[in-house]
C-alpha atoms as a PDB file:
ATOM      1  CA  UNK A   1       4.482   5.641   9.089  1.00  0.00           C
ATOM      2  CA  UNK A   2       6.896   6.528  11.867  1.00  0.00           C
ATOM      3  CA  UNK A   3       6.756  10.264  11.152  1.00  0.00           C
ATOM      4  CA  UNK A   4       3.035  10.829  11.694  1.00  0.00           C
ATOM      5  CA  UNK A   5       1.961  13.843  13.713  1.00  0.00           C
ATOM      6  CA  UNK A   6      -1.206  12.049  14.869  1.00  0.00           C
ATOM      7  CA  UNK A   7      -1.445   8.290  15.293  1.00  0.00           C
ATOM      8  CA  UNK A   8      -4.054   6.342  13.429  1.00  0.00           C
ATOM      9  CA  UNK A   9      -6.886   4.927  15.537  1.00  0.00           C
ATOM     10  CA  UNK A  10      -8.449   1.604  14.555  1.00  0.00           C
ATOM     11  CA  UNK A  11     -12.213   1.957  14.346  1.00  0.00           C
ATOM     12  CA  UNK A  12     -15.203  -0.234  13.530  1.00  0.00           C
ATOM     13  CA  UNK A  13     -18.574   0.760  12.162  1.00  0.00           C
ATOM     14  CA  UNK A  14     -17.488   3.421   9.642  1.00  0.00           C
ATOM     15  CA  UNK A  15     -18.200   2.996   5.951  1.00  0.00           C
ATOM     16  CA  UNK A  16     -17.520   5.330   3.067  1.00  0.00           C
ATOM     17  CA  UNK A  17     -18.433   5.928  -0.527  1.00  0.00           C
ATOM     18  CA  UNK A  18     -15.576   7.419  -2.542  1.00  0.00           C
ATOM     19  CA  UNK A  19     -16.005   9.109  -5.908  1.00  0.00           C
ATOM     20  CA  UNK A  20     -13.109   9.390  -8.336  1.00  0.00           C
ATOM     21  CA  UNK A  21     -15.234  11.471 -10.702  1.00  0.00           C
ATOM     22  CA  UNK A  22     -16.335   8.442 -12.743  1.00  0.00           C
ATOM     23  CA  UNK A  23     -18.377   6.593 -10.133  1.00  0.00           C
ATOM     24  CA  UNK A  24     -18.980   5.927  -6.432  1.00  0.00           C
ATOM     25  CA  UNK A  25     -17.202   3.036  -4.781  1.00  0.00           C
ATOM     26  CA  UNK A  26     -18.114   1.600  -1.360  1.00  0.00           C
ATOM     27  CA  UNK A  27     -15.434   0.700   1.157  1.00  0.00           C
ATOM     28  CA  UNK A  28     -14.851   0.060   4.827  1.00  0.00           C
ATOM     29  CA  UNK A  29     -12.802   2.418   6.972  1.00  0.00           C
ATOM     30  CA  UNK A  30     -10.144   0.525   8.906  1.00  0.00           C
ATOM     31  CA  UNK A  31      -8.486   3.378  10.783  1.00  0.00           C
ATOM     32  CA  UNK A  32      -8.664   7.163  11.099  1.00  0.00           C
ATOM     33  CA  UNK A  33      -6.570  10.134  12.139  1.00  0.00           C
ATOM     34  CA  UNK A  34      -7.199  13.864  12.313  1.00  0.00           C
ATOM     35  CA  UNK A  35      -5.918  14.332   8.765  1.00  0.00           C
ATOM     36  CA  UNK A  36      -6.337  10.950   7.129  1.00  0.00           C
ATOM     37  CA  UNK A  37      -8.002   7.554   6.929  1.00  0.00           C
ATOM     38  CA  UNK A  38      -7.371   4.081   5.589  1.00  0.00           C
ATOM     39  CA  UNK A  39     -10.039   2.287   3.589  1.00  0.00           C
ATOM     40  CA  UNK A  40     -10.200  -1.393   2.755  1.00  0.00           C
ATOM     41  CA  UNK A  41     -12.408  -3.381   0.406  1.00  0.00           C
ATOM     42  CA  UNK A  42     -12.321  -0.816  -2.409  1.00  0.00           C
ATOM     43  CA  UNK A  43     -12.917  -2.275  -5.869  1.00  0.00           C
ATOM     44  CA  UNK A  44      -9.924  -2.663  -8.180  1.00  0.00           C
ATOM     45  CA  UNK A  45     -11.402  -0.293 -10.781  1.00  0.00           C
ATOM     46  CA  UNK A  46     -11.229   2.855  -8.588  1.00  0.00           C
ATOM     47  CA  UNK A  47      -8.727   5.315 -10.101  1.00  0.00           C
ATOM     48  CA  UNK A  48      -6.311   6.010  -7.241  1.00  0.00           C
ATOM     49  CA  UNK A  49      -4.284   8.338  -9.495  1.00  0.00           C
ATOM     50  CA  UNK A  50      -6.916  11.085  -9.075  1.00  0.00           C
ATOM     51  CA  UNK A  51      -5.575  13.840  -6.811  1.00  0.00           C
ATOM     52  CA  UNK A  52      -8.989  14.876  -5.476  1.00  0.00           C
ATOM     53  CA  UNK A  53     -11.842  12.550  -4.584  1.00  0.00           C
ATOM     54  CA  UNK A  54     -15.069  13.063  -2.696  1.00  0.00           C
ATOM     55  CA  UNK A  55     -15.699  10.880   0.360  1.00  0.00           C
ATOM     56  CA  UNK A  56     -19.018  10.443   2.141  1.00  0.00           C
ATOM     57  CA  UNK A  57     -18.382   8.736   5.481  1.00  0.00           C
ATOM     58  CA  UNK A  58     -21.122   7.361   7.708  1.00  0.00           C
ATOM     59  CA  UNK A  59     -21.335   5.502  10.986  1.00  0.00           C
ATOM     60  CA  UNK A  60     -21.567   6.014  14.748  1.00  0.00           C
ATOM     61  CA  UNK A  61     -24.658   8.183  14.112  1.00  0.00           C
ATOM     62  CA  UNK A  62     -22.612  10.695  12.105  1.00  0.00           C
ATOM     63  CA  UNK A  63     -22.113  11.638   8.444  1.00  0.00           C
ATOM     64  CA  UNK A  64     -19.134  13.492   6.991  1.00  0.00           C
ATOM     65  CA  UNK A  65     -18.486  14.752   3.479  1.00  0.00           C
ATOM     66  CA  UNK A  66     -14.912  15.700   2.600  1.00  0.00           C
ATOM     67  CA  UNK A  67     -12.348  15.937  -0.150  1.00  0.00           C
ATOM     68  CA  UNK A  68      -9.536  13.378   0.065  1.00  0.00           C
ATOM     69  CA  UNK A  69      -6.324  12.592  -1.806  1.00  0.00           C
ATOM     70  CA  UNK A  70      -4.886   9.079  -2.167  1.00  0.00           C
ATOM     71  CA  UNK A  71      -1.398   8.798  -0.617  1.00  0.00           C
ATOM     72  CA  UNK A  72      -0.689   5.084  -1.023  1.00  0.00           C
ATOM     73  CA  UNK A  73      -2.362   1.957  -2.448  1.00  0.00           C
ATOM     74  CA  UNK A  74      -1.998  -1.737  -1.698  1.00  0.00           C
ATOM     75  CA  UNK A  75      -3.656  -4.268  -3.954  1.00  0.00           C
ATOM     76  CA  UNK A  76      -5.238  -7.243  -2.176  1.00  0.00           C
ATOM     77  CA  UNK A  77      -6.538  -9.702  -4.778  1.00  0.00           C
ATOM     78  CA  UNK A  78      -9.392  -8.020  -6.652  1.00  0.00           C
ATOM     79  CA  UNK A  79      -9.679  -5.281  -4.005  1.00  0.00           C
ATOM     80  CA  UNK A  80      -7.560  -2.326  -2.871  1.00  0.00           C
ATOM     81  CA  UNK A  81      -6.589  -0.780   0.436  1.00  0.00           C
ATOM     82  CA  UNK A  82      -5.943   2.973   0.153  1.00  0.00           C
ATOM     83  CA  UNK A  83      -4.550   5.529   2.570  1.00  0.00           C
ATOM     84  CA  UNK A  84      -6.168   8.941   2.084  1.00  0.00           C
ATOM     85  CA  UNK A  85      -5.104  12.397   3.204  1.00  0.00           C
ATOM     86  CA  UNK A  86      -8.037  14.676   4.061  1.00  0.00           C
ATOM     87  CA  UNK A  87      -7.870  18.034   2.301  1.00  0.00           C
ATOM     88  CA  UNK A  88      -9.307  20.919   4.369  1.00  0.00           C
ATOM     89  CA  UNK A  89     -10.229  18.737   7.327  1.00  0.00           C
ATOM     90  CA  UNK A  90     -13.715  19.638   8.662  1.00  0.00           C
ATOM     91  CA  UNK A  91     -13.856  20.661  12.341  1.00  0.00           C
ATOM     92  CA  UNK A  92     -16.535  18.066  13.131  1.00  0.00           C
ATOM     93  CA  UNK A  93     -14.232  15.316  11.774  1.00  0.00           C
ATOM     94  CA  UNK A  94     -11.361  16.476  13.994  1.00  0.00           C
ATOM     95  CA  UNK A  95     -13.701  16.502  16.991  1.00  0.00           C
ATOM     96  CA  UNK A  96     -14.971  13.006  16.110  1.00  0.00           C
ATOM     97  CA  UNK A  97     -11.419  11.621  15.811  1.00  0.00           C
ATOM     98  CA  UNK A  98     -10.260  13.255  19.043  1.00  0.00           C
ATOM     99  CA  UNK A  99     -13.113  11.541  20.908  1.00  0.00           C
ATOM    100  CA  UNK A 100     -11.759   8.158  19.706  1.00  0.00           C
ATOM    101  CA  UNK A 101      -8.067   8.803  20.383  1.00  0.00           C
ATOM    102  CA  UNK A 102      -6.603   7.095  23.440  1.00  0.00           C
ATOM    103  CA  UNK A 103      -6.386   9.411  26.430  1.00  0.00           C
ATOM    104  CA  UNK A 104      -2.827  10.383  27.257  1.00  0.00           C
ATOM    105  CA  UNK A 105      -1.524   9.739  30.729  1.00  0.00           C
ATOM    106  CA  UNK A 106      -0.591  12.597  33.016  1.00  0.00           C
ATOM    107  CA  UNK A 107      -2.990  15.289  31.822  1.00  0.00           C
ATOM    108  CA  UNK A 108      -1.564  18.688  32.818  1.00  0.00           C
ATOM    109  CA  UNK A 109      -4.905  19.753  34.320  1.00  0.00           C
ATOM    110  CA  UNK A 110      -4.962  16.709  36.599  1.00  0.00           C
ATOM    111  CA  UNK A 111      -1.585  17.660  38.065  1.00  0.00           C
ATOM    112  CA  UNK A 112      -2.724  21.258  38.703  1.00  0.00           C
ATOM    113  CA  UNK A 113      -5.946  20.139  40.412  1.00  0.00           C
ATOM    114  CA  UNK A 114      -4.273  17.765  42.897  1.00  0.00           C
END
């Protein structure tokens, strides 16, 4: 986790349905980044070995459809937590994530406008 280009941002109010090609499975999105997301509460029967899955994400008045790839899985009782990489990240997703990222201190434009 220490070698991420973009930090994950914890977020509430986003849900997703993931399809592994055999069915749709509901889950809750715990955190997001420009190129990935972590979902919790996925059922044990989802096939995380699939290299391409379809995700439909909704919340905050927005809907996103994207292709994702599982990168890691943690089993929690009868449920799973899965970290997904987004394949061909949609522009509107990147924009959405950037609006939720913490603002960095010392913006270059602020210094110029002093």
